[in-house]
Amino acid sequence: MPLHPLAVHLPVVIIPLTALGLLAWVLVPSIGPKVRSWLVGGGVLGAIGAAWSKTTGADLLKDIGRSPQSPGDVAPHMMWGNALVVASVFLAAAAIALWYKETVVTQIAAVIMAVVALIITFGAGHSGAQLVWH
């Protein structure tokens, strides 16, 4: 049984929760001390989960007789998944930066990365679901 269907649930849950938490922190700065450790942890865990999902996805690609050079109908999902690894690293970096120092710049970076991470997570999840159900 391939691990990819299991692995994807970690980033698909953790990354949006972290992104929404960062948005809440920027909108209500007083919650920062209560949530910042959780959000930094979530950012790091989400990035690890995205990387793990990419690795298990590459294994699954081989199992179904495809390759990164010729992924067929898996190509859109692969593109979203690759983007999610990058976005999750930047989301974690934004959480760390906001924890280190709350400034307008770190708040703007956190908002931008939260929105980008939400969009890319949706794209990766939706394109994967389409492959499973169609």
N, C-alpha and C. Protein backbone atom coordinates (compact mmCIF):
# COMPACT_ATOMS: atom_id res chain seq x y z
N MET A 1 0.84 -1.18 0.00
CA MET A 1 0.00 0.00 0.00
C MET A 1 0.89 1.25 0.00
N PRO A 2 0.61 2.19 -0.88
CA PRO A 2 1.43 3.41 -0.94
C PRO A 2 1.19 4.31 0.28
N LEU A 3 2.24 4.99 0.71
CA LEU A 3 2.14 5.89 1.86
C LEU A 3 1.57 7.26 1.51
N HIS A 4 1.61 7.61 0.25
CA HIS A 4 1.21 8.96 -0.14
C HIS A 4 -0.18 9.37 0.35
N PRO A 5 -1.20 8.52 0.21
CA PRO A 5 -2.53 8.92 0.70
C PRO A 5 -2.55 9.23 2.20
N LEU A 6 -1.70 8.58 2.96
CA LEU A 6 -1.60 8.86 4.39
C LEU A 6 -0.78 10.14 4.63
N ALA A 7 0.35 10.24 3.95
CA ALA A 7 1.28 11.35 4.17
C ALA A 7 0.66 12.71 3.86
N VAL A 8 -0.20 12.77 2.86
CA VAL A 8 -0.73 14.08 2.45
C VAL A 8 -1.63 14.72 3.50
N HIS A 9 -2.16 13.92 4.40
CA HIS A 9 -3.07 14.49 5.39
C HIS A 9 -2.35 15.39 6.40
N LEU A 10 -1.08 15.15 6.64
CA LEU A 10 -0.34 16.01 7.57
C LEU A 10 -0.26 17.44 7.05
N PRO A 11 0.29 17.69 5.86
CA PRO A 11 0.36 19.08 5.40
C PRO A 11 -1.00 19.68 5.07
N VAL A 12 -1.94 18.86 4.60
CA VAL A 12 -3.25 19.39 4.22
C VAL A 12 -4.02 19.90 5.43
N VAL A 13 -3.72 19.39 6.61
CA VAL A 13 -4.36 19.86 7.84
C VAL A 13 -3.51 20.94 8.51
N ILE A 14 -2.22 20.67 8.67
CA ILE A 14 -1.36 21.56 9.46
C ILE A 14 -1.10 22.89 8.76
N ILE A 15 -0.85 22.88 7.46
CA ILE A 15 -0.52 24.13 6.77
C ILE A 15 -1.68 25.13 6.82
N PRO A 16 -2.92 24.74 6.49
CA PRO A 16 -4.02 25.71 6.61
C PRO A 16 -4.24 26.19 8.04
N LEU A 17 -4.13 25.29 9.02
CA LEU A 17 -4.29 25.72 10.42
C LEU A 17 -3.23 26.75 10.79
N THR A 18 -2.00 26.51 10.38
CA THR A 18 -0.92 27.45 10.66
C THR A 18 -1.17 28.77 9.94
N ALA A 19 -1.58 28.71 8.69
CA ALA A 19 -1.84 29.93 7.92
C ALA A 19 -2.97 30.74 8.56
N LEU A 20 -4.04 30.08 8.93
CA LEU A 20 -5.15 30.79 9.57
C LEU A 20 -4.75 31.35 10.93
N GLY A 21 -3.91 30.60 11.65
CA GLY A 21 -3.40 31.09 12.93
C GLY A 21 -2.54 32.33 12.77
N LEU A 22 -1.71 32.34 11.74
CA LEU A 22 -0.89 33.53 11.47
C LEU A 22 -1.76 34.74 11.13
N LEU A 23 -2.79 34.52 10.34
CA LEU A 23 -3.71 35.62 10.01
C LEU A 23 -4.38 36.14 11.28
N ALA A 24 -4.80 35.23 12.15
CA ALA A 24 -5.42 35.65 13.41
C ALA A 24 -4.44 36.44 14.27
N TRP A 25 -3.20 35.99 14.30
CA TRP A 25 -2.17 36.67 15.09
C TRP A 25 -1.95 38.09 14.59
N VAL A 26 -1.91 38.27 13.27
CA VAL A 26 -1.70 39.61 12.71
C VAL A 26 -2.92 40.49 13.00
N LEU A 27 -4.11 39.92 12.90
CA LEU A 27 -5.33 40.70 13.14
C LEU A 27 -5.55 41.00 14.62
N VAL A 28 -5.13 40.08 15.49
CA VAL A 28 -5.29 40.25 16.95
C VAL A 28 -3.92 39.99 17.59
N PRO A 29 -3.04 40.98 17.56
CA PRO A 29 -1.68 40.78 18.05
C PRO A 29 -1.58 40.30 19.50
N SER A 30 -2.58 40.58 20.30
CA SER A 30 -2.51 40.17 21.71
C SER A 30 -2.50 38.65 21.89
N ILE A 31 -2.93 37.88 20.88
CA ILE A 31 -2.90 36.42 21.00
C ILE A 31 -1.52 35.85 20.68
N GLY A 32 -0.62 36.69 20.16
CA GLY A 32 0.71 36.24 19.77
C GLY A 32 1.42 35.41 20.82
N PRO A 33 1.55 35.90 22.05
CA PRO A 33 2.26 35.11 23.07
C PRO A 33 1.63 33.74 23.34
N LYS A 34 0.32 33.62 23.12
CA LYS A 34 -0.36 32.36 23.39
C LYS A 34 -0.21 31.35 22.24
N VAL A 35 -0.05 31.85 21.01
CA VAL A 35 -0.08 30.96 19.86
C VAL A 35 1.24 30.85 19.10
N ARG A 36 2.18 31.71 19.37
CA ARG A 36 3.37 31.75 18.52
C ARG A 36 4.17 30.45 18.52
N SER A 37 4.34 29.82 19.66
CA SER A 37 5.08 28.55 19.68
C SER A 37 4.37 27.48 18.86
N TRP A 38 3.04 27.44 19.00
CA TRP A 38 2.25 26.48 18.22
C TRP A 38 2.36 26.75 16.72
N LEU A 39 2.35 28.02 16.34
CA LEU A 39 2.39 28.36 14.92
C LEU A 39 3.76 28.11 14.31
N VAL A 40 4.81 28.38 15.06
CA VAL A 40 6.15 28.05 14.57
C VAL A 40 6.28 26.53 14.42
N GLY A 41 5.82 25.80 15.43
CA GLY A 41 5.84 24.34 15.35
C GLY A 41 5.01 23.82 14.19
N GLY A 42 3.84 24.42 14.00
CA GLY A 42 2.98 24.03 12.88
C GLY A 42 3.62 24.33 11.54
N GLY A 43 4.30 25.46 11.45
CA GLY A 43 4.98 25.81 10.21
C GLY A 43 6.08 24.81 9.87
N VAL A 44 6.88 24.46 10.87
CA VAL A 44 7.96 23.50 10.64
C VAL A 44 7.38 22.12 10.34
N LEU A 45 6.38 21.70 11.10
CA LEU A 45 5.76 20.39 10.87
C LEU A 45 5.08 20.34 9.49
N GLY A 46 4.45 21.43 9.10
CA GLY A 46 3.83 21.48 7.78
C GLY A 46 4.85 21.35 6.66
N ALA A 47 6.01 22.00 6.81
CA ALA A 47 7.06 21.90 5.80
C ALA A 47 7.62 20.48 5.73
N ILE A 48 7.81 19.86 6.89
CA ILE A 48 8.27 18.47 6.91
C ILE A 48 7.23 17.57 6.26
N GLY A 49 5.96 17.80 6.57
CA GLY A 49 4.89 16.99 5.98
C GLY A 49 4.80 17.17 4.48
N ALA A 50 5.00 18.39 3.99
CA ALA A 50 4.95 18.64 2.55
C ALA A 50 6.11 17.92 1.85
N ALA A 51 7.30 17.97 2.46
CA ALA A 51 8.45 17.28 1.87
C ALA A 51 8.23 15.76 1.88
N TRP A 52 7.67 15.25 2.98
CA TRP A 52 7.38 13.81 3.05
C TRP A 52 6.35 13.42 1.99
N SER A 53 5.35 14.26 1.81
CA SER A 53 4.32 13.97 0.80
C SER A 53 4.92 13.97 -0.59
N LYS A 54 5.85 14.87 -0.84
CA LYS A 54 6.51 14.90 -2.16
C LYS A 54 7.30 13.61 -2.38
N THR A 55 8.00 13.16 -1.36
CA THR A 55 8.78 11.93 -1.47
C THR A 55 7.88 10.71 -1.70
N THR A 56 6.82 10.62 -0.92
CA THR A 56 5.91 9.48 -1.10
C THR A 56 5.16 9.57 -2.42
N GLY A 57 4.92 10.80 -2.88
CA GLY A 57 4.28 10.98 -4.19
C GLY A 57 5.18 10.51 -5.32
N ALA A 58 6.48 10.77 -5.20
CA ALA A 58 7.43 10.30 -6.22
C ALA A 58 7.47 8.78 -6.24
N ASP A 59 7.39 8.16 -5.06
CA ASP A 59 7.34 6.69 -5.01
C ASP A 59 6.07 6.16 -5.67
N LEU A 60 4.94 6.81 -5.39
CA LEU A 60 3.68 6.39 -5.98
C LEU A 60 3.69 6.57 -7.51
N LEU A 61 4.33 7.63 -7.96
CA LEU A 61 4.44 7.88 -9.41
C LEU A 61 5.14 6.70 -10.08
N LYS A 62 6.22 6.23 -9.47
CA LYS A 62 6.93 5.06 -10.01
C LYS A 62 6.04 3.82 -9.98
N ASP A 63 5.29 3.67 -8.88
CA ASP A 63 4.43 2.49 -8.73
C ASP A 63 3.35 2.41 -9.81
N ILE A 64 2.91 3.57 -10.31
CA ILE A 64 1.87 3.55 -11.35
C ILE A 64 2.47 3.64 -12.75
N GLY A 65 3.80 3.47 -12.82
CA GLY A 65 4.46 3.40 -14.12
C GLY A 65 4.70 4.74 -14.80
N ARG A 66 4.80 5.78 -14.01
CA ARG A 66 5.07 7.11 -14.57
C ARG A 66 6.39 7.63 -14.02
N SER A 67 6.85 8.73 -14.59
CA SER A 67 8.10 9.33 -14.13
C SER A 67 7.92 10.84 -14.04
N PRO A 68 8.81 11.53 -13.33
CA PRO A 68 8.71 13.00 -13.28
C PRO A 68 8.81 13.64 -14.67
N GLN A 69 9.52 12.99 -15.57
CA GLN A 69 9.64 13.52 -16.92
C GLN A 69 8.39 13.26 -17.76
N SER A 70 7.64 12.25 -17.39
CA SER A 70 6.42 11.90 -18.12
C SER A 70 5.31 11.52 -17.13
N PRO A 71 4.78 12.53 -16.40
CA PRO A 71 3.80 12.22 -15.36
C PRO A 71 2.37 12.04 -15.86
N GLY A 72 2.13 12.38 -17.10
CA GLY A 72 0.77 12.25 -17.63
C GLY A 72 -0.20 13.15 -16.91
N ASP A 73 -1.38 12.61 -16.54
CA ASP A 73 -2.41 13.43 -15.90
C ASP A 73 -2.08 13.80 -14.46
N VAL A 74 -0.95 13.31 -13.95
CA VAL A 74 -0.51 13.65 -12.59
C VAL A 74 0.23 14.99 -12.58
N ALA A 75 0.57 15.51 -13.75
CA ALA A 75 1.40 16.73 -13.86
C ALA A 75 0.85 17.92 -13.06
N PRO A 76 -0.45 18.25 -13.15
CA PRO A 76 -0.92 19.40 -12.36
C PRO A 76 -0.76 19.18 -10.85
N HIS A 77 -1.05 17.97 -10.39
CA HIS A 77 -0.90 17.68 -8.97
C HIS A 77 0.57 17.76 -8.54
N MET A 78 1.44 17.28 -9.39
CA MET A 78 2.87 17.35 -9.11
C MET A 78 3.33 18.81 -9.01
N MET A 79 2.82 19.65 -9.92
CA MET A 79 3.18 21.07 -9.90
C MET A 79 2.72 21.72 -8.60
N TRP A 80 1.48 21.47 -8.21
CA TRP A 80 0.96 22.03 -6.96
C TRP A 80 1.73 21.49 -5.75
N GLY A 81 2.05 20.20 -5.77
CA GLY A 81 2.79 19.60 -4.67
C GLY A 81 4.19 20.19 -4.52
N ASN A 82 4.87 20.38 -5.64
CA ASN A 82 6.20 21.00 -5.60
C ASN A 82 6.11 22.43 -5.07
N ALA A 83 5.09 23.15 -5.51
CA ALA A 83 4.91 24.53 -5.03
C ALA A 83 4.59 24.55 -3.53
N LEU A 84 3.87 23.53 -3.06
CA LEU A 84 3.51 23.49 -1.65
C LEU A 84 4.74 23.29 -0.75
N VAL A 85 5.69 22.51 -1.22
CA VAL A 85 6.92 22.33 -0.44
C VAL A 85 7.59 23.69 -0.23
N VAL A 86 7.71 24.45 -1.30
CA VAL A 86 8.35 25.78 -1.23
C VAL A 86 7.53 26.72 -0.36
N ALA A 87 6.22 26.77 -0.60
CA ALA A 87 5.36 27.68 0.16
C ALA A 87 5.36 27.34 1.65
N SER A 88 5.41 26.04 1.97
CA SER A 88 5.39 25.66 3.39
C SER A 88 6.67 26.08 4.10
N VAL A 89 7.79 26.05 3.40
CA VAL A 89 9.05 26.51 3.99
C VAL A 89 8.98 28.02 4.25
N PHE A 90 8.44 28.76 3.30
CA PHE A 90 8.29 30.20 3.48
C PHE A 90 7.26 30.54 4.55
N LEU A 91 6.22 29.72 4.68
CA LEU A 91 5.23 29.92 5.75
C LEU A 91 5.89 29.73 7.11
N ALA A 92 6.70 28.69 7.24
CA ALA A 92 7.43 28.46 8.49
C ALA A 92 8.37 29.62 8.78
N ALA A 93 9.06 30.10 7.75
CA ALA A 93 9.97 31.23 7.92
C ALA A 93 9.22 32.49 8.36
N ALA A 94 8.02 32.70 7.80
CA ALA A 94 7.21 33.86 8.19
C ALA A 94 6.78 33.75 9.64
N ALA A 95 6.42 32.55 10.09
CA ALA A 95 6.02 32.34 11.49
C ALA A 95 7.21 32.61 12.42
N ILE A 96 8.38 32.13 12.03
CA ILE A 96 9.58 32.34 12.84
C ILE A 96 9.92 33.83 12.89
N ALA A 97 9.84 34.50 11.74
CA ALA A 97 10.15 35.93 11.70
C ALA A 97 9.19 36.74 12.56
N LEU A 98 7.91 36.39 12.51
CA LEU A 98 6.91 37.10 13.30
C LEU A 98 7.13 36.84 14.79
N TRP A 99 7.53 35.63 15.13
CA TRP A 99 7.84 35.30 16.53
C TRP A 99 9.05 36.09 17.01
N TYR A 100 10.07 36.16 16.14
CA TYR A 100 11.30 36.85 16.51
C TYR A 100 11.07 38.34 16.72
N LYS A 101 10.31 38.95 15.80
CA LYS A 101 10.08 40.39 15.92
C LYS A 101 8.80 40.77 15.17
N GLU A 102 7.84 41.29 15.90
CA GLU A 102 6.60 41.73 15.28
C GLU A 102 6.78 43.16 14.76
N THR A 103 6.86 43.26 13.45
CA THR A 103 6.94 44.56 12.79
C THR A 103 5.93 44.56 11.65
N VAL A 104 5.75 45.69 11.04
CA VAL A 104 4.85 45.76 9.89
C VAL A 104 5.35 44.84 8.77
N VAL A 105 6.65 44.80 8.59
CA VAL A 105 7.23 43.96 7.53
C VAL A 105 6.97 42.48 7.81
N THR A 106 7.19 42.02 9.04
CA THR A 106 6.95 40.60 9.33
C THR A 106 5.47 40.27 9.30
N GLN A 107 4.63 41.23 9.68
CA GLN A 107 3.19 41.00 9.60
C GLN A 107 2.74 40.88 8.14
N ILE A 108 3.24 41.76 7.29
CA ILE A 108 2.88 41.69 5.86
C ILE A 108 3.37 40.38 5.25
N ALA A 109 4.61 39.99 5.59
CA ALA A 109 5.15 38.73 5.08
C ALA A 109 4.29 37.55 5.54
N ALA A 110 3.87 37.59 6.80
CA ALA A 110 3.04 36.50 7.33
C ALA A 110 1.69 36.43 6.61
N VAL A 111 1.08 37.56 6.37
CA VAL A 111 -0.21 37.58 5.67
C VAL A 111 -0.05 37.07 4.25
N ILE A 112 0.97 37.55 3.54
CA ILE A 112 1.19 37.11 2.15
C ILE A 112 1.43 35.60 2.11
N MET A 113 2.30 35.11 2.97
CA MET A 113 2.62 33.68 2.94
C MET A 113 1.44 32.83 3.39
N ALA A 114 0.64 33.35 4.32
CA ALA A 114 -0.54 32.60 4.76
C ALA A 114 -1.53 32.45 3.60
N VAL A 115 -1.77 33.52 2.89
CA VAL A 115 -2.71 33.47 1.76
C VAL A 115 -2.17 32.57 0.65
N VAL A 116 -0.89 32.72 0.33
CA VAL A 116 -0.28 31.88 -0.71
C VAL A 116 -0.34 30.41 -0.31
N ALA A 117 -0.01 30.12 0.95
CA ALA A 117 -0.03 28.73 1.42
C ALA A 117 -1.44 28.13 1.36
N LEU A 118 -2.44 28.93 1.71
CA LEU A 118 -3.82 28.44 1.63
C LEU A 118 -4.21 28.12 0.19
N ILE A 119 -3.86 28.99 -0.73
CA ILE A 119 -4.21 28.77 -2.14
C ILE A 119 -3.50 27.53 -2.68
N ILE A 120 -2.21 27.43 -2.39
CA ILE A 120 -1.44 26.30 -2.92
C ILE A 120 -1.87 24.98 -2.27
N THR A 121 -2.17 25.01 -0.99
CA THR A 121 -2.65 23.79 -0.33
C THR A 121 -3.96 23.33 -0.96
N PHE A 122 -4.86 24.29 -1.22
CA PHE A 122 -6.12 23.94 -1.88
C PHE A 122 -5.84 23.34 -3.25
N GLY A 123 -4.95 23.97 -4.02
CA GLY A 123 -4.63 23.46 -5.36
C GLY A 123 -4.06 22.05 -5.32
N ALA A 124 -3.15 21.80 -4.39
CA ALA A 124 -2.55 20.47 -4.29
C ALA A 124 -3.60 19.44 -3.86
N GLY A 125 -4.39 19.80 -2.86
CA GLY A 125 -5.41 18.87 -2.38
C GLY A 125 -6.49 18.59 -3.41
N HIS A 126 -6.95 19.64 -4.06
CA HIS A 126 -8.02 19.48 -5.05
C HIS A 126 -7.55 18.67 -6.26
N SER A 127 -6.35 18.98 -6.75
CA SER A 127 -5.86 18.24 -7.91
C SER A 127 -5.60 16.77 -7.56
N GLY A 128 -5.17 16.51 -6.32
CA GLY A 128 -4.99 15.12 -5.89
C GLY A 128 -6.32 14.40 -5.77
N ALA A 129 -7.31 15.08 -5.23
CA ALA A 129 -8.63 14.47 -5.10
C ALA A 129 -9.23 14.17 -6.47
N GLN A 130 -9.00 15.06 -7.43
CA GLN A 130 -9.50 14.80 -8.78
C GLN A 130 -8.88 13.54 -9.37
N LEU A 131 -7.59 13.33 -9.11
CA LEU A 131 -6.94 12.12 -9.62
C LEU A 131 -7.54 10.87 -8.99
N VAL A 132 -7.88 10.95 -7.72
CA VAL A 132 -8.43 9.78 -7.02
C VAL A 132 -9.85 9.49 -7.47
N TRP A 133 -10.65 10.53 -7.62
CA TRP A 133 -12.08 10.32 -7.82
C TRP A 133 -12.54 10.37 -9.27
N HIS A 134 -11.64 10.66 -10.19
CA HIS A 134 -12.06 10.71 -11.61
C HIS A 134 -11.36 9.66 -12.43
